[in-house]
């Protein structure tokens, strides 16, 4: 997975969160990371439900494996 793919996945994940949950995540990022992620979110026009589900499923699997 390239850095661009990871950034796009992060943008999709952030877009799937509620506003308060997303703001909690942003609190843990550096200003540069917030800027990059914000730009990625702005560039992400339309996402299929299938793509969003893939990203959420991958995130859930990785999070479960690390806990």
C-alpha atoms as a PDB file:
ATOM      1  CA  UNK A   1       0.000   0.000   0.000  1.00  0.00           C
ATOM      2  CA  UNK A   2       1.447   3.364  -0.961  1.00  0.00           C
ATOM      3  CA  UNK A   3       1.470   6.419   1.276  1.00  0.00           C
ATOM      4  CA  UNK A   4      -1.202   7.961  -0.969  1.00  0.00           C
ATOM      5  CA  UNK A   5      -3.444   4.911  -0.510  1.00  0.00           C
ATOM      6  CA  UNK A   6      -2.963   5.084   3.259  1.00  0.00           C
ATOM      7  CA  UNK A   7      -3.809   8.766   3.277  1.00  0.00           C
ATOM      8  CA  UNK A   8      -6.917   8.134   1.184  1.00  0.00           C
ATOM      9  CA  UNK A   9      -7.935   5.320   3.529  1.00  0.00           C
ATOM     10  CA  UNK A  10      -7.428   7.629   6.525  1.00  0.00           C
ATOM     11  CA  UNK A  11      -9.571  10.277   4.834  1.00  0.00           C
ATOM     12  CA  UNK A  12     -12.324   7.737   4.168  1.00  0.00           C
ATOM     13  CA  UNK A  13     -12.170   6.503   7.753  1.00  0.00           C
ATOM     14  CA  UNK A  14     -12.364  10.062   9.107  1.00  0.00           C
ATOM     15  CA  UNK A  15     -15.325  10.799   6.844  1.00  0.00           C
ATOM     16  CA  UNK A  16     -17.105   7.733   8.201  1.00  0.00           C
ATOM     17  CA  UNK A  17     -16.746   8.960  11.790  1.00  0.00           C
ATOM     18  CA  UNK A  18     -19.090  11.375  13.438  1.00  0.00           C
ATOM     19  CA  UNK A  19     -17.944  14.966  13.884  1.00  0.00           C
ATOM     20  CA  UNK A  20     -17.038  14.606  17.571  1.00  0.00           C
ATOM     21  CA  UNK A  21     -15.134  11.344  16.998  1.00  0.00           C
ATOM     22  CA  UNK A  22     -13.212  12.857  14.088  1.00  0.00           C
ATOM     23  CA  UNK A  23     -12.289  15.913  16.156  1.00  0.00           C
ATOM     24  CA  UNK A  24     -10.922  13.603  18.874  1.00  0.00           C
ATOM     25  CA  UNK A  25      -8.664  11.940  16.304  1.00  0.00           C
ATOM     26  CA  UNK A  26      -7.477  15.295  14.940  1.00  0.00           C
ATOM     27  CA  UNK A  27      -6.382  16.308  18.461  1.00  0.00           C
ATOM     28  CA  UNK A  28      -3.695  13.616  18.301  1.00  0.00           C
ATOM     29  CA  UNK A  29      -2.241  14.719  14.959  1.00  0.00           C
ATOM     30  CA  UNK A  30       0.438  17.275  14.233  1.00  0.00           C
ATOM     31  CA  UNK A  31      -0.552  20.412  12.292  1.00  0.00           C
ATOM     32  CA  UNK A  32       1.149  19.003   9.189  1.00  0.00           C
ATOM     33  CA  UNK A  33      -0.761  15.718   9.516  1.00  0.00           C
ATOM     34  CA  UNK A  34      -4.034  17.611   9.969  1.00  0.00           C
ATOM     35  CA  UNK A  35      -3.281  19.617   6.833  1.00  0.00           C
ATOM     36  CA  UNK A  36      -2.451  16.527   4.749  1.00  0.00           C
ATOM     37  CA  UNK A  37      -5.496  14.658   5.992  1.00  0.00           C
ATOM     38  CA  UNK A  38      -7.743  17.672   5.420  1.00  0.00           C
ATOM     39  CA  UNK A  39      -6.476  17.956   1.849  1.00  0.00           C
ATOM     40  CA  UNK A  40      -7.082  14.238   1.293  1.00  0.00           C
ATOM     41  CA  UNK A  41     -10.632  14.570   2.629  1.00  0.00           C
ATOM     42  CA  UNK A  42     -11.255  17.531   0.313  1.00  0.00           C
ATOM     43  CA  UNK A  43      -9.951  15.552  -2.693  1.00  0.00           C
ATOM     44  CA  UNK A  44     -12.119  12.536  -1.892  1.00  0.00           C
ATOM     45  CA  UNK A  45     -15.206  13.353  -3.899  1.00  0.00           C
ATOM     46  CA  UNK A  46     -17.399  10.301  -3.876  1.00  0.00           C
ATOM     47  CA  UNK A  47     -16.766   6.954  -2.295  1.00  0.00           C
ATOM     48  CA  UNK A  48     -18.738   3.819  -2.891  1.00  0.00           C
ATOM     49  CA  UNK A  49     -20.268   2.112   0.118  1.00  0.00           C
ATOM     50  CA  UNK A  50     -18.176  -0.929  -0.814  1.00  0.00           C
ATOM     51  CA  UNK A  51     -14.918   1.082  -0.647  1.00  0.00           C
ATOM     52  CA  UNK A  52     -15.906   2.600   2.695  1.00  0.00           C
ATOM     53  CA  UNK A  53     -16.734  -0.856   4.085  1.00  0.00           C
ATOM     54  CA  UNK A  54     -13.349  -2.193   2.887  1.00  0.00           C
ATOM     55  CA  UNK A  55     -11.509   0.589   4.721  1.00  0.00           C
ATOM     56  CA  UNK A  56     -13.542   0.145   7.910  1.00  0.00           C
ATOM     57  CA  UNK A  57     -13.104  -3.643   7.826  1.00  0.00           C
ATOM     58  CA  UNK A  58      -9.323  -3.294   7.348  1.00  0.00           C
ATOM     59  CA  UNK A  59      -9.102  -0.771  10.182  1.00  0.00           C
ATOM     60  CA  UNK A  60     -11.141  -3.031  12.468  1.00  0.00           C
ATOM     61  CA  UNK A  61      -8.923  -6.026  11.674  1.00  0.00           C
ATOM     62  CA  UNK A  62      -5.706  -4.106  12.321  1.00  0.00           C
ATOM     63  CA  UNK A  63      -7.054  -2.568  15.532  1.00  0.00           C
ATOM     64  CA  UNK A  64      -8.211  -5.958  16.812  1.00  0.00           C
ATOM     65  CA  UNK A  65      -4.839  -7.534  16.036  1.00  0.00           C
ATOM     66  CA  UNK A  66      -3.018  -4.823  17.982  1.00  0.00           C
ATOM     67  CA  UNK A  67      -5.161  -4.937  21.108  1.00  0.00           C
END
